[in-house]
Amino acid sequence: MASPAALARPKNSLLARFLHGLHPQADIPLRLTLWNGWEHDFSADPHVTIRLPGPKALRYFVPPSLDNLAEGYVNGHFDVQGHAQDVIHVASKLAHAGVPMQGRFGRIFRPGHHSRTKDARAIEHHYDVSNDFYRLWLGPEMVYSCAYFPTQTETLDQAQSAKLDHILNKIMLQPGERLLDIGCGWGALVIRAAQKYGAHAVGITLSRNQYALAFERVAQAGLTGQVDIRLQDYRDMDAHDGLFDKITSVGMFEHVGLNHLGAYFGKISSLLQDGGLVLNHGITSTDPNSGATPLGAAEFIHKYVFPNGELPHISLALKDMQSAGLEALDVECLRRHYTRTLSLWVQNYETQSDALRDLVDETTFRIWRMYLAGCVHAFSHNWVSLYQILACKAGEREQLNPTSWSRAYMYA
């Protein structure tokens, strides 16, 4: 019987276009196995194997953009063997070798349409997969945002606790103060704010699953009179809710929309006491014009994972905060921290793959597998970043700014 390498390459125009479109010197750790057993190695040491069951699967490789490749994989048109991060590494190399980073594959500014109904559906799509699904790879505390690794030796759980304290220390949260957390997730930050810092906290979310579990966790912690969890849009907060001493927003403003950031920060300003502090923790584009991630990555994310998600450049976020009367006092980049966080999530996801497949269908499993590993790649290659911005509502009245003249208090 002939070896796979000795088998004749099928005569197929799509296969010829795909192979011809790649640079002859491209070193990609990939083995491509076709339906007739023919194999082609793109490097001497392939870590990933793609198996095509028939000629129709080749349409996802012409061109080999990240959205085309992901579309074929998540919908089961071909199978892939290899660790998730190795798979993304191969996909990125294929895209770089076969797709120009311009036109629709470039970093295009794509503001979308937002409404309360549309945004609520987008949140439901992303966060209401199932609480058990998230718990398996986030960990028992279910903190779905960038962790903080001050010594680089922390476990994921330790780093998530450090992140919560880092945020609450930055805003100088004091006993008895009122804290609003916009996009409170499963309640980790507001529970920490109440238990450790003695604050009275309100957490709002649009996810019904998050609301139900956060409400339950608050009750289990004996904090029902101190922490209020609401299923509410931030735009519906008004004067009847009173003013807050401190406001946090962690991993939420990515859902707001590029053309709505001014109104978002304006609402925060209207809910904040004079002299109050706000901390916005969110993912940003590294493109100065707030362009989306390239090579088709944004298209895949918008279609399958984060419908209506938009990432501003840090400069746009700062501009709109200033326009809303919020003076930026401290800006910290945590891109490296998110790369490590995501790598640990991917590790958990791969380890828990059998249990995850018991909870969701194969398409959903593959979508999230590629999304998380793709995010590691995006952060590690500086396509996207993450910033914590600490701001104060003080205006010209400098005496209202409660922070020290040194940042040392943040690390005490």
Protein backbone atom coordinates (compact mmCIF):
# COMPACT_ATOMS: atom_id res chain seq x y z
CA MET A 1 0.00 0.00 0.00
CA ALA A 2 1.35 3.40 -0.97
CA SER A 3 2.38 5.81 1.78
CA PRO A 4 0.33 9.03 2.09
CA ALA A 5 3.24 11.04 0.70
CA ALA A 6 3.43 8.75 -2.35
CA LEU A 7 -0.26 9.08 -3.21
CA ALA A 8 -1.10 11.35 -6.12
CA ARG A 9 -2.30 14.82 -5.26
CA PRO A 10 -5.90 15.16 -6.38
CA LYS A 11 -6.51 17.39 -9.37
CA ASN A 12 -8.59 20.11 -7.79
CA SER A 13 -8.61 23.80 -8.73
CA LEU A 14 -9.31 25.00 -5.18
CA LEU A 15 -6.45 22.91 -3.81
CA ALA A 16 -4.13 24.28 -6.48
CA ARG A 17 -5.20 27.88 -5.69
CA PHE A 18 -4.70 27.34 -1.97
CA LEU A 19 -1.23 25.85 -2.32
CA HIS A 20 -0.19 28.38 -4.98
CA GLY A 21 -1.35 31.28 -2.79
CA LEU A 22 1.04 30.40 0.01
CA HIS A 23 4.59 31.67 -0.04
CA PRO A 24 6.89 28.79 -1.02
CA GLN A 25 9.13 29.53 1.98
CA ALA A 26 6.25 29.65 4.47
CA ASP A 27 7.17 27.46 7.45
CA ILE A 28 3.83 26.43 8.91
CA PRO A 29 3.71 23.53 11.43
CA LEU A 30 0.77 21.94 9.64
CA ARG A 31 -0.03 18.60 8.04
CA LEU A 32 -2.90 18.66 5.55
CA THR A 33 -4.60 15.28 4.99
CA LEU A 34 -7.05 14.94 2.12
CA TRP A 35 -9.98 12.62 1.57
CA ASN A 36 -7.96 10.20 -0.58
CA GLY A 37 -5.17 9.87 2.02
CA TRP A 38 -2.76 12.29 0.35
CA GLU A 39 -0.77 14.32 2.89
CA HIS A 40 1.26 17.48 2.63
CA ASP A 41 3.49 18.82 5.42
CA PHE A 42 4.09 22.57 5.43
CA SER A 43 7.07 22.19 7.79
CA ALA A 44 9.44 19.51 9.01
CA ASP A 45 7.70 19.29 12.39
CA PRO A 46 3.89 19.70 12.09
CA HIS A 47 2.03 20.15 15.39
CA VAL A 48 -1.42 20.44 13.85
CA THR A 49 -3.23 18.14 11.43
CA ILE A 50 -6.20 19.26 9.34
CA ARG A 51 -8.26 16.46 7.81
CA LEU A 52 -10.54 17.32 4.89
CA PRO A 53 -13.37 14.80 4.33
CA GLY A 54 -14.03 15.90 0.76
CA PRO A 55 -13.31 18.52 -1.92
CA LYS A 56 -16.07 20.88 -0.69
CA ALA A 57 -14.10 21.61 2.49
CA LEU A 58 -11.42 23.37 0.42
CA ARG A 59 -13.66 26.42 -0.06
CA TYR A 60 -12.81 27.44 3.53
CA PHE A 61 -9.14 27.73 2.56
CA VAL A 62 -9.59 30.04 -0.43
CA PRO A 63 -8.72 32.51 0.84
CA PRO A 64 -7.38 31.18 4.18
CA SER A 65 -8.65 34.13 6.20
CA LEU A 66 -9.29 33.59 9.90
CA ASP A 67 -13.07 33.87 9.50
CA ASN A 68 -13.12 31.35 6.63
CA LEU A 69 -10.95 28.84 8.49
CA ALA A 70 -12.96 29.23 11.70
CA GLU A 71 -16.25 28.96 9.82
CA GLY A 72 -15.23 25.62 8.34
CA TYR A 73 -13.93 24.21 11.62
CA VAL A 74 -16.71 25.26 13.99
CA ASN A 75 -19.40 23.97 11.63
CA GLY A 76 -17.71 20.59 11.25
CA HIS A 77 -16.71 20.84 7.58
CA PHE A 78 -13.26 19.56 8.51
CA ASP A 79 -11.51 18.28 11.64
CA VAL A 80 -8.40 19.56 13.35
CA GLN A 81 -6.00 17.76 15.69
CA GLY A 82 -3.71 19.74 17.98
CA HIS A 83 -3.73 22.02 21.02
CA ALA A 84 -6.01 25.02 20.61
CA GLN A 85 -3.16 27.57 20.72
CA ASP A 86 -1.17 25.56 18.16
CA VAL A 87 -4.25 25.52 15.92
CA ILE A 88 -4.59 29.31 16.14
CA HIS A 89 -0.87 29.73 15.47
CA VAL A 90 -1.23 27.67 12.28
CA ALA A 91 -4.39 29.52 11.24
CA SER A 92 -2.67 32.87 11.73
CA LYS A 93 0.34 31.78 9.67
CA LEU A 94 -1.96 30.57 6.88
CA ALA A 95 -3.82 33.87 6.94
CA HIS A 96 -0.63 35.95 6.94
CA ALA A 97 0.75 33.90 4.06
CA GLY A 98 -2.41 33.85 1.94
CA VAL A 99 -4.41 37.00 2.76
CA PRO A 100 -3.43 40.66 2.30
CA MET A 101 -3.85 42.73 5.47
CA GLN A 102 -5.84 45.37 3.61
CA GLY A 103 -9.34 45.93 2.28
CA ARG A 104 -11.87 43.83 4.17
CA PHE A 105 -9.02 41.94 5.84
CA GLY A 106 -7.43 45.13 7.18
CA ARG A 107 -8.15 47.10 10.35
CA ILE A 108 -11.43 48.74 9.40
CA PHE A 109 -13.41 51.13 11.60
CA ARG A 110 -16.80 49.41 11.96
CA PRO A 111 -19.24 51.26 14.23
CA GLY A 112 -22.54 49.42 14.54
CA HIS A 113 -26.12 50.17 15.48
CA HIS A 114 -27.01 49.84 19.15
CA SER A 115 -30.32 49.83 21.00
CA ARG A 116 -31.51 48.49 24.33
CA THR A 117 -33.14 45.49 22.67
CA LYS A 118 -30.21 44.72 20.39
CA ASP A 119 -27.66 45.10 23.18
CA ALA A 120 -29.68 42.87 25.53
CA ARG A 121 -29.80 40.14 22.87
CA ALA A 122 -26.05 40.44 22.32
CA ILE A 123 -25.39 40.06 26.05
CA GLU A 124 -27.73 37.07 26.23
CA HIS A 125 -25.95 35.47 23.25
CA HIS A 126 -22.53 35.75 24.87
CA TYR A 127 -23.12 35.28 28.58
CA ASP A 128 -26.13 32.97 28.78
CA VAL A 129 -24.50 29.82 27.35
CA SER A 130 -24.79 28.27 30.83
CA ASN A 131 -23.30 29.05 34.21
CA ASP A 132 -21.83 25.55 34.47
CA PHE A 133 -20.10 26.03 31.11
CA TYR A 134 -18.31 29.14 32.32
CA ARG A 135 -17.49 27.67 35.72
CA LEU A 136 -15.50 24.81 34.19
CA TRP A 137 -12.86 27.08 32.66
CA LEU A 138 -13.16 30.34 34.62
CA GLY A 139 -12.91 28.66 38.00
CA PRO A 140 -15.25 28.57 41.02
CA GLU A 141 -15.37 32.36 41.54
CA MET A 142 -16.38 32.89 37.88
CA VAL A 143 -14.51 36.14 37.27
CA TYR A 144 -14.68 36.73 33.52
CA SER A 145 -12.14 39.50 33.02
CA CYS A 146 -8.39 40.04 32.98
CA ALA A 147 -6.65 38.85 36.13
CA TYR A 148 -3.73 40.67 37.75
CA PHE A 149 -0.35 38.96 38.25
CA PRO A 150 1.80 41.43 40.22
CA THR A 151 4.58 38.91 40.93
CA GLN A 152 3.94 36.61 37.92
CA THR A 153 3.76 33.66 40.33
CA GLU A 154 0.05 33.84 41.20
CA THR A 155 -2.41 31.08 40.37
CA LEU A 156 -5.43 32.12 38.32
CA ASP A 157 -7.65 32.29 41.42
CA GLN A 158 -5.06 34.34 43.32
CA ALA A 159 -4.64 36.69 40.36
CA GLN A 160 -8.39 37.22 40.05
CA SER A 161 -8.63 38.12 43.74
CA ALA A 162 -5.65 40.44 43.29
CA LYS A 163 -7.44 42.12 40.37
CA LEU A 164 -10.55 42.79 42.44
CA ASP A 165 -8.45 44.33 45.22
CA HIS A 166 -6.38 46.30 42.70
CA ILE A 167 -9.55 47.92 41.36
CA LEU A 168 -11.11 48.59 44.77
CA ASN A 169 -7.83 49.98 46.12
CA LYS A 170 -7.49 52.31 43.13
CA ILE A 171 -10.94 53.82 43.76
CA MET A 172 -10.12 54.13 47.48
CA LEU A 173 -13.32 52.35 48.47
CA GLN A 174 -14.27 53.09 52.09
CA PRO A 175 -16.75 51.52 54.54
CA GLY A 176 -20.28 52.83 54.03
CA GLU A 177 -19.65 54.24 50.56
CA ARG A 178 -22.04 53.51 47.71
CA LEU A 179 -20.53 51.59 44.80
CA LEU A 180 -22.14 50.97 41.41
CA ASP A 181 -20.68 48.12 39.32
CA ILE A 182 -21.87 48.32 35.70
CA GLY A 183 -21.81 44.88 34.13
CA CYS A 184 -21.38 43.02 37.42
CA GLY A 185 -21.08 39.54 35.96
CA TRP A 186 -21.66 36.83 38.55
CA GLY A 187 -21.13 39.28 41.40
CA ALA A 188 -17.51 38.73 42.43
CA LEU A 189 -16.53 42.40 42.64
CA VAL A 190 -19.59 43.67 44.53
CA ILE A 191 -19.34 40.78 46.99
CA ARG A 192 -15.66 41.59 47.56
CA ALA A 193 -16.50 45.28 47.96
CA ALA A 194 -19.04 44.50 50.67
CA GLN A 195 -17.16 41.77 52.53
CA LYS A 196 -13.66 43.25 52.61
CA TYR A 197 -14.25 46.99 52.21
CA GLY A 198 -17.61 47.47 53.95
CA ALA A 199 -19.25 49.21 50.99
CA HIS A 200 -22.91 49.21 49.98
CA ALA A 201 -22.93 47.98 46.39
CA VAL A 202 -25.31 47.86 43.46
CA GLY A 203 -24.44 45.50 40.61
CA ILE A 204 -26.30 45.61 37.29
CA THR A 205 -26.25 43.16 34.38
CA LEU A 206 -28.32 42.36 31.29
CA SER A 207 -27.61 38.62 31.51
CA ARG A 208 -30.40 36.64 33.17
CA ASN A 209 -28.05 33.78 34.02
CA GLN A 210 -25.57 36.13 35.64
CA TYR A 211 -28.32 37.93 37.53
CA ALA A 212 -29.78 34.71 38.94
CA LEU A 213 -26.46 33.32 40.14
CA ALA A 214 -25.14 36.66 41.45
CA PHE A 215 -28.38 37.15 43.41
CA GLU A 216 -28.00 33.66 44.87
CA ARG A 217 -24.34 34.16 45.77
CA VAL A 218 -25.11 37.45 47.54
CA ALA A 219 -27.77 35.72 49.62
CA GLN A 220 -25.43 32.82 50.44
CA ALA A 221 -22.82 35.33 51.63
CA GLY A 222 -25.37 36.98 53.94
CA LEU A 223 -25.08 40.29 52.08
CA THR A 224 -28.66 40.78 50.88
CA GLY A 225 -29.07 44.06 52.76
CA GLN A 226 -25.68 45.34 51.62
CA VAL A 227 -25.49 44.26 47.97
CA ASP A 228 -28.26 44.84 45.45
CA ILE A 229 -28.12 42.82 42.21
CA ARG A 230 -30.33 44.11 39.40
CA LEU A 231 -31.28 42.97 35.91
CA GLN A 232 -31.00 46.47 34.47
CA ASP A 233 -29.55 48.49 31.59
CA TYR A 234 -27.13 51.19 32.72
CA ARG A 235 -29.06 53.65 30.57
CA ASP A 236 -32.10 53.14 32.80
CA MET A 237 -30.30 54.25 35.96
CA ASP A 238 -31.57 57.70 37.00
CA ALA A 239 -31.82 60.21 39.84
CA HIS A 240 -34.13 57.91 41.81
CA ASP A 241 -31.17 55.60 42.27
CA GLY A 242 -29.23 58.36 44.02
CA LEU A 243 -25.60 59.29 43.45
CA PHE A 244 -22.69 56.93 43.97
CA ASP A 245 -19.36 57.60 45.65
CA LYS A 246 -17.55 55.17 43.36
CA ILE A 247 -18.36 53.45 40.06
CA THR A 248 -16.64 50.50 38.39
CA SER A 249 -17.14 49.02 34.96
CA VAL A 250 -15.16 45.86 34.23
CA GLY A 251 -15.26 44.26 30.78
CA MET A 252 -18.46 46.03 29.84
CA PHE A 253 -17.71 49.04 27.66
CA GLU A 254 -16.76 46.73 24.78
CA HIS A 255 -20.54 46.30 24.32
CA VAL A 256 -21.38 50.02 24.29
CA GLY A 257 -20.45 50.91 20.71
CA LEU A 258 -17.88 53.35 19.36
CA ASN A 259 -20.47 56.03 18.62
CA HIS A 260 -22.07 55.68 22.07
CA LEU A 261 -19.07 56.03 24.35
CA GLY A 262 -19.78 59.71 24.96
CA ALA A 263 -23.29 58.93 26.20
CA TYR A 264 -21.97 56.01 28.26
CA PHE A 265 -19.40 58.10 30.10
CA GLY A 266 -21.95 60.91 30.36
CA LYS A 267 -24.33 58.57 32.18
CA ILE A 268 -21.54 57.49 34.52
CA SER A 269 -20.72 61.13 35.26
CA SER A 270 -24.38 61.89 36.01
CA LEU A 271 -24.51 59.04 38.54
CA LEU A 272 -21.27 59.99 40.30
CA GLN A 273 -20.90 62.31 43.27
CA ASP A 274 -18.70 65.39 42.79
CA GLY A 275 -15.24 64.20 43.71
CA GLY A 276 -16.25 60.60 43.04
CA LEU A 277 -13.93 58.10 41.40
CA VAL A 278 -14.67 55.78 38.49
CA LEU A 279 -12.57 52.92 37.15
CA ASN A 280 -13.15 51.63 33.64
CA HIS A 281 -11.47 48.30 32.89
CA GLY A 282 -11.87 47.28 29.27
CA ILE A 283 -10.42 45.83 26.07
CA THR A 284 -9.23 48.32 23.48
CA SER A 285 -8.11 48.31 19.88
CA THR A 286 -4.42 49.00 19.28
CA ASP A 287 -5.28 50.65 15.99
CA PRO A 288 -5.18 54.47 16.45
CA ASN A 289 -8.38 54.72 14.40
CA SER A 290 -10.18 52.07 16.46
CA GLY A 291 -9.98 49.57 13.61
CA ALA A 292 -11.14 46.00 14.17
CA THR A 293 -8.82 43.00 14.45
CA PRO A 294 -7.47 42.01 11.01
CA LEU A 295 -7.36 38.99 8.70
CA GLY A 296 -11.04 38.14 9.28
CA ALA A 297 -10.78 37.69 13.06
CA ALA A 298 -13.32 40.43 13.76
CA GLU A 299 -15.86 38.91 11.38
CA PHE A 300 -15.72 35.56 13.19
CA ILE A 301 -16.07 37.18 16.62
CA HIS A 302 -19.00 39.37 15.55
CA LYS A 303 -20.85 36.45 13.96
CA TYR A 304 -20.34 33.79 16.59
CA VAL A 305 -19.16 35.25 19.91
CA PHE A 306 -19.58 38.99 20.49
CA PRO A 307 -22.34 40.33 18.23
CA ASN A 308 -22.26 44.12 18.30
CA GLY A 309 -18.96 44.27 20.20
CA GLU A 310 -16.71 47.21 19.32
CA LEU A 311 -13.27 48.14 20.65
CA PRO A 312 -12.15 51.77 20.89
CA HIS A 313 -8.55 52.89 20.89
CA ILE A 314 -7.44 54.13 24.32
CA SER A 315 -7.29 57.66 22.94
CA LEU A 316 -10.99 57.59 22.02
CA ALA A 317 -11.93 56.31 25.48
CA LEU A 318 -9.90 59.08 27.15
CA LYS A 319 -11.37 61.73 24.85
CA ASP A 320 -14.95 60.70 25.61
CA MET A 321 -14.27 60.45 29.35
CA GLN A 322 -12.83 63.96 29.38
CA SER A 323 -15.79 65.27 27.40
CA ALA A 324 -18.08 63.81 30.07
CA GLY A 325 -16.27 65.69 32.83
CA LEU A 326 -14.21 62.72 34.02
CA GLU A 327 -10.53 63.54 34.42
CA ALA A 328 -8.19 60.59 33.88
CA LEU A 329 -5.85 60.27 36.86
CA ASP A 330 -4.18 56.96 36.13
CA VAL A 331 -3.96 54.74 33.05
CA GLU A 332 -2.53 51.22 33.36
CA CYS A 333 -1.99 48.76 30.52
CA LEU A 334 -2.67 45.14 31.48
CA ARG A 335 -2.20 43.52 28.05
CA ARG A 336 0.43 41.06 29.30
CA HIS A 337 -1.81 40.16 32.22
CA TYR A 338 -4.69 39.33 29.88
CA THR A 339 -2.45 37.18 27.69
CA ARG A 340 -1.59 35.12 30.76
CA THR A 341 -5.21 35.04 31.96
CA LEU A 342 -6.43 33.81 28.59
CA SER A 343 -3.66 31.21 28.37
CA LEU A 344 -4.81 29.77 31.70
CA TRP A 345 -8.43 29.80 30.55
CA VAL A 346 -7.42 27.92 27.39
CA GLN A 347 -5.51 25.42 29.51
CA ASN A 348 -8.63 24.87 31.62
CA TYR A 349 -10.79 24.60 28.52
CA GLU A 350 -8.59 21.94 26.97
CA THR A 351 -8.39 20.00 30.24
CA GLN A 352 -12.17 20.13 30.70
CA SER A 353 -13.03 19.39 27.06
CA ASP A 354 -15.01 16.21 27.77
CA ALA A 355 -17.10 17.87 30.50
CA LEU A 356 -17.69 20.93 28.32
CA ARG A 357 -18.87 18.78 25.42
CA ASP A 358 -21.44 17.24 27.80
CA LEU A 359 -22.87 20.72 28.41
CA VAL A 360 -22.95 22.24 24.91
CA ASP A 361 -23.20 21.04 21.32
CA GLU A 362 -20.07 20.48 19.25
CA THR A 363 -20.42 23.77 17.34
CA THR A 364 -20.59 25.82 20.55
CA PHE A 365 -17.63 23.88 21.99
CA ARG A 366 -15.54 24.62 18.90
CA ILE A 367 -16.57 28.28 18.75
CA TRP A 368 -15.37 28.96 22.29
CA ARG A 369 -12.26 26.85 21.87
CA MET A 370 -11.15 28.93 18.90
CA TYR A 371 -12.31 32.21 20.42
CA LEU A 372 -10.31 31.84 23.63
CA ALA A 373 -7.17 30.62 21.88
CA GLY A 374 -7.61 33.36 19.27
CA CYS A 375 -7.75 35.96 22.02
CA VAL A 376 -4.44 34.72 23.42
CA HIS A 377 -2.95 35.30 19.96
CA ALA A 378 -4.57 38.72 19.58
CA PHE A 379 -3.29 40.00 22.93
CA SER A 380 0.16 38.47 22.63
CA HIS A 381 0.60 39.99 19.15
CA ASN A 382 -0.67 43.43 20.22
CA TRP A 383 -3.77 43.40 18.02
CA VAL A 384 -5.80 44.33 21.08
CA SER A 385 -4.96 45.58 24.55
CA LEU A 386 -6.58 46.23 27.92
CA TYR A 387 -6.50 49.34 30.07
CA GLN A 388 -7.67 50.34 33.50
CA ILE A 389 -8.53 54.04 33.54
CA LEU A 390 -9.06 55.72 36.90
CA ALA A 391 -10.91 59.04 36.62
CA CYS A 392 -12.36 61.65 38.95
CA LYS A 393 -15.37 63.94 38.70
CA ALA A 394 -13.72 67.08 40.06
CA GLY A 395 -13.62 69.62 37.25
CA GLU A 396 -11.96 72.88 38.27
CA ARG A 397 -12.41 72.17 41.97
CA GLU A 398 -9.10 70.45 42.59
CA GLN A 399 -9.87 70.08 46.28
CA LEU A 400 -12.56 67.54 45.38
CA ASN A 401 -9.99 65.08 44.03
CA PRO A 402 -9.57 62.61 46.91
CA THR A 403 -6.50 60.78 45.59
CA SER A 404 -2.98 61.08 46.90
CA TRP A 405 -0.28 62.94 44.99
CA SER A 406 1.46 59.59 44.69
CA ARG A 407 0.30 56.29 43.22
CA ALA A 408 1.81 54.45 46.18
CA TYR A 409 -1.60 54.10 47.85
CA MET A 410 -2.70 51.73 45.07
CA TYR A 411 -0.08 49.19 46.11
CA ALA A 412 -0.12 49.58 49.87
